[in-house]
Amino acid sequence: MAEGVKPRVKVPKSVSAGETITIKTLISHQMESGQRKDSDGNVIPRSIINRFVVDFNGENVIDVTLEPAISTNPYFEFEATVPEAGEFHFTWYDDDGSVYETVQEVAVN
C-alpha cells in the first residue's frame, strides 16, 4: 500500500430530486510511473492509481482507467444527476492491489 494516500471528495449534502450536481474528488498519491531511477540507479517501481469508479445507489456513474502519464494527486470533477436520496460510493484502485474507498450521502429536500 502506498503511504500517505488520502481520498477527498466534495458532494453537496442535500439537493432537489433530479438536480445535476458537480462532484469534485482528489486523492493524495505519488503516481510513480516506473520510468524514473532512484539515487542508486535502481528503477523506482510503478505505483499508480489505475482505476477510479463512482456508483450512486449501486448504479455506475463514472468508471475511468488511468495511465502512468497521470500527474501526482489525481483530481476529477464531473457532474451527476441525483434522482433520489442515497449514497455516492467512490473507489480508487492502486497497482499494488490496494483499494481506497469513501462514501458520501446525499439527502433530497
C-alpha atoms as a PDB file:
ATOM      1  CA  MET A   1       0.000   0.000   0.000  1.00  0.00           C
ATOM      2  CA  ALA A   2       1.328   3.421  -0.923  1.00  0.00           C
ATOM      3  CA  GLU A   3       1.961   5.700   2.045  1.00  0.00           C
ATOM      4  CA  GLY A   4       0.005   8.858   2.765  1.00  0.00           C
ATOM      5  CA  VAL A   5      -2.837   8.072   0.355  1.00  0.00           C
ATOM      6  CA  LYS A   6      -5.895  10.096   1.295  1.00  0.00           C
ATOM      7  CA  PRO A   7      -9.058  10.350  -0.809  1.00  0.00           C
ATOM      8  CA  ARG A   8     -11.124  13.534  -0.559  1.00  0.00           C
ATOM      9  CA  VAL A   9     -14.500  14.267  -2.120  1.00  0.00           C
ATOM     10  CA  LYS A  10     -16.822  17.252  -2.232  1.00  0.00           C
ATOM     11  CA  VAL A  11     -20.513  16.465  -2.724  1.00  0.00           C
ATOM     12  CA  PRO A  12     -23.481  18.679  -1.734  1.00  0.00           C
ATOM     13  CA  LYS A  13     -25.206  17.354   1.422  1.00  0.00           C
ATOM     14  CA  SER A  14     -28.706  17.974   0.053  1.00  0.00           C
ATOM     15  CA  VAL A  15     -30.182  18.606  -3.390  1.00  0.00           C
ATOM     16  CA  SER A  16     -33.529  18.712  -5.165  1.00  0.00           C
ATOM     17  CA  ALA A  17     -34.679  15.488  -6.828  1.00  0.00           C
ATOM     18  CA  GLY A  18     -33.436  15.404 -10.424  1.00  0.00           C
ATOM     19  CA  GLU A  19     -30.848  18.128  -9.827  1.00  0.00           C
ATOM     20  CA  THR A  20     -27.488  17.932 -11.594  1.00  0.00           C
ATOM     21  CA  ILE A  21     -24.613  18.498  -9.178  1.00  0.00           C
ATOM     22  CA  THR A  22     -20.874  18.978  -9.527  1.00  0.00           C
ATOM     23  CA  ILE A  23     -18.696  16.453  -7.714  1.00  0.00           C
ATOM     24  CA  LYS A  24     -15.008  17.060  -7.018  1.00  0.00           C
ATOM     25  CA  THR A  25     -12.529  14.372  -5.986  1.00  0.00           C
ATOM     26  CA  LEU A  26      -8.828  14.368  -5.157  1.00  0.00           C
ATOM     27  CA  ILE A  27      -6.643  11.529  -3.965  1.00  0.00           C
ATOM     28  CA  SER A  28      -3.204  12.176  -2.483  1.00  0.00           C
ATOM     29  CA  HIS A  29      -0.942   9.688  -4.287  1.00  0.00           C
ATOM     30  CA  GLN A  30       2.581   9.952  -5.698  1.00  0.00           C
ATOM     31  CA  MET A  31       1.666   8.258  -9.034  1.00  0.00           C
ATOM     32  CA  GLU A  32       5.119   6.809  -9.789  1.00  0.00           C
ATOM     33  CA  SER A  33       5.338   5.870 -13.494  1.00  0.00           C
ATOM     34  CA  GLY A  34       8.009   3.173 -13.122  1.00  0.00           C
ATOM     35  CA  GLN A  35      10.341   5.012 -15.510  1.00  0.00           C
ATOM     36  CA  ARG A  36      12.417   7.028 -13.018  1.00  0.00           C
ATOM     37  CA  LYS A  37      15.502   5.863 -11.133  1.00  0.00           C
ATOM     38  CA  ASP A  38      16.500   6.490  -7.529  1.00  0.00           C
ATOM     39  CA  SER A  39      19.852   7.953  -6.437  1.00  0.00           C
ATOM     40  CA  ASP A  40      21.463   4.488  -6.677  1.00  0.00           C
ATOM     41  CA  GLY A  41      20.326   3.998 -10.275  1.00  0.00           C
ATOM     42  CA  ASN A  42      17.597   1.486  -9.452  1.00  0.00           C
ATOM     43  CA  VAL A  43      14.252   1.779 -11.216  1.00  0.00           C
ATOM     44  CA  ILE A  44      11.535   3.031  -8.873  1.00  0.00           C
ATOM     45  CA  PRO A  45       8.642   0.545  -9.211  1.00  0.00           C
ATOM     46  CA  ARG A  46       5.444   1.712 -10.895  1.00  0.00           C
ATOM     47  CA  SER A  47       2.768   2.719  -8.390  1.00  0.00           C
ATOM     48  CA  ILE A  48      -0.284   4.448  -9.812  1.00  0.00           C
ATOM     49  CA  ILE A  49      -3.986   4.662  -9.225  1.00  0.00           C
ATOM     50  CA  ASN A  50      -5.102   2.712 -12.293  1.00  0.00           C
ATOM     51  CA  ARG A  51      -8.889   2.933 -11.992  1.00  0.00           C
ATOM     52  CA  PHE A  52     -11.457   5.286 -10.457  1.00  0.00           C
ATOM     53  CA  VAL A  53     -15.116   4.276 -10.078  1.00  0.00           C
ATOM     54  CA  VAL A  54     -18.142   6.124  -8.701  1.00  0.00           C
ATOM     55  CA  ASP A  55     -21.523   4.493  -8.062  1.00  0.00           C
ATOM     56  CA  PHE A  56     -24.752   6.049  -6.811  1.00  0.00           C
ATOM     57  CA  ASN A  57     -27.113   3.664  -5.007  1.00  0.00           C
ATOM     58  CA  GLY A  58     -25.419   0.743  -6.761  1.00  0.00           C
ATOM     59  CA  GLU A  59     -25.573   2.229 -10.270  1.00  0.00           C
ATOM     60  CA  ASN A  60     -22.390   3.253 -12.061  1.00  0.00           C
ATOM     61  CA  VAL A  61     -21.884   6.988 -12.570  1.00  0.00           C
ATOM     62  CA  ILE A  62     -18.278   7.058 -13.826  1.00  0.00           C
ATOM     63  CA  ASP A  63     -15.567   4.448 -14.473  1.00  0.00           C
ATOM     64  CA  VAL A  64     -12.134   5.775 -15.513  1.00  0.00           C
ATOM     65  CA  THR A  65      -8.951   3.892 -16.422  1.00  0.00           C
ATOM     66  CA  LEU A  66      -5.800   5.868 -15.572  1.00  0.00           C
ATOM     67  CA  GLU A  67      -2.417   5.501 -17.264  1.00  0.00           C
ATOM     68  CA  PRO A  68       1.116   6.318 -15.998  1.00  0.00           C
ATOM     69  CA  ALA A  69       1.053   9.802 -17.573  1.00  0.00           C
ATOM     70  CA  ILE A  70      -1.479  10.997 -14.964  1.00  0.00           C
ATOM     71  CA  SER A  71       0.036  13.544 -12.578  1.00  0.00           C
ATOM     72  CA  THR A  72       0.550  13.216  -8.849  1.00  0.00           C
ATOM     73  CA  ASN A  73      -2.625  13.595  -6.754  1.00  0.00           C
ATOM     74  CA  PRO A  74      -5.263  12.853  -9.460  1.00  0.00           C
ATOM     75  CA  TYR A  75      -8.201  15.285  -9.417  1.00  0.00           C
ATOM     76  CA  PHE A  76     -11.566  14.638 -11.065  1.00  0.00           C
ATOM     77  CA  GLU A  77     -14.504  16.997 -11.424  1.00  0.00           C
ATOM     78  CA  PHE A  78     -17.707  15.765 -13.042  1.00  0.00           C
ATOM     79  CA  GLU A  79     -21.476  16.217 -12.992  1.00  0.00           C
ATOM     80  CA  ALA A  80     -24.110  13.725 -11.891  1.00  0.00           C
ATOM     81  CA  THR A  81     -27.879  13.836 -11.710  1.00  0.00           C
ATOM     82  CA  VAL A  82     -29.354  12.861  -8.347  1.00  0.00           C
ATOM     83  CA  PRO A  83     -32.798  11.269  -8.835  1.00  0.00           C
ATOM     84  CA  GLU A  84     -33.301  10.365  -5.161  1.00  0.00           C
ATOM     85  CA  ALA A  85     -31.625  10.380  -1.763  1.00  0.00           C
ATOM     86  CA  GLY A  86     -28.757   7.955  -1.493  1.00  0.00           C
ATOM     87  CA  GLU A  87     -25.032   7.328  -1.354  1.00  0.00           C
ATOM     88  CA  PHE A  88     -22.175   8.039  -3.699  1.00  0.00           C
ATOM     89  CA  HIS A  89     -19.538   5.330  -3.344  1.00  0.00           C
ATOM     90  CA  PHE A  90     -16.049   6.376  -4.539  1.00  0.00           C
ATOM     91  CA  THR A  91     -13.373   3.731  -5.209  1.00  0.00           C
ATOM     92  CA  TRP A  92      -9.747   4.145  -6.324  1.00  0.00           C
ATOM     93  CA  TYR A  93      -7.713   1.052  -7.333  1.00  0.00           C
ATOM     94  CA  ASP A  94      -3.914   1.000  -6.925  1.00  0.00           C
ATOM     95  CA  ASP A  95      -1.383  -1.069  -8.914  1.00  0.00           C
ATOM     96  CA  ASP A  96      -0.282  -2.790  -5.712  1.00  0.00           C
ATOM     97  CA  GLY A  97      -3.798  -4.166  -5.150  1.00  0.00           C
ATOM     98  CA  SER A  98      -4.805  -1.562  -2.586  1.00  0.00           C
ATOM     99  CA  VAL A  99      -8.325  -0.180  -2.777  1.00  0.00           C
ATOM    100  CA  TYR A 100      -9.226   3.223  -1.306  1.00  0.00           C
ATOM    101  CA  GLU A 101     -12.894   3.945  -0.680  1.00  0.00           C
ATOM    102  CA  THR A 102     -15.103   6.645   0.721  1.00  0.00           C
ATOM    103  CA  VAL A 103     -18.875   7.184   0.805  1.00  0.00           C
ATOM    104  CA  GLN A 104     -20.891  10.424   0.769  1.00  0.00           C
ATOM    105  CA  GLU A 105     -24.609  10.574   1.497  1.00  0.00           C
ATOM    106  CA  VAL A 106     -26.921  12.968  -0.317  1.00  0.00           C
ATOM    107  CA  ALA A 107     -30.344  13.974   1.003  1.00  0.00           C
ATOM    108  CA  VAL A 108     -33.182  15.157  -1.234  1.00  0.00           C
ATOM    109  CA  ASN A 109     -35.117  18.164   0.001  1.00  0.00           C
END
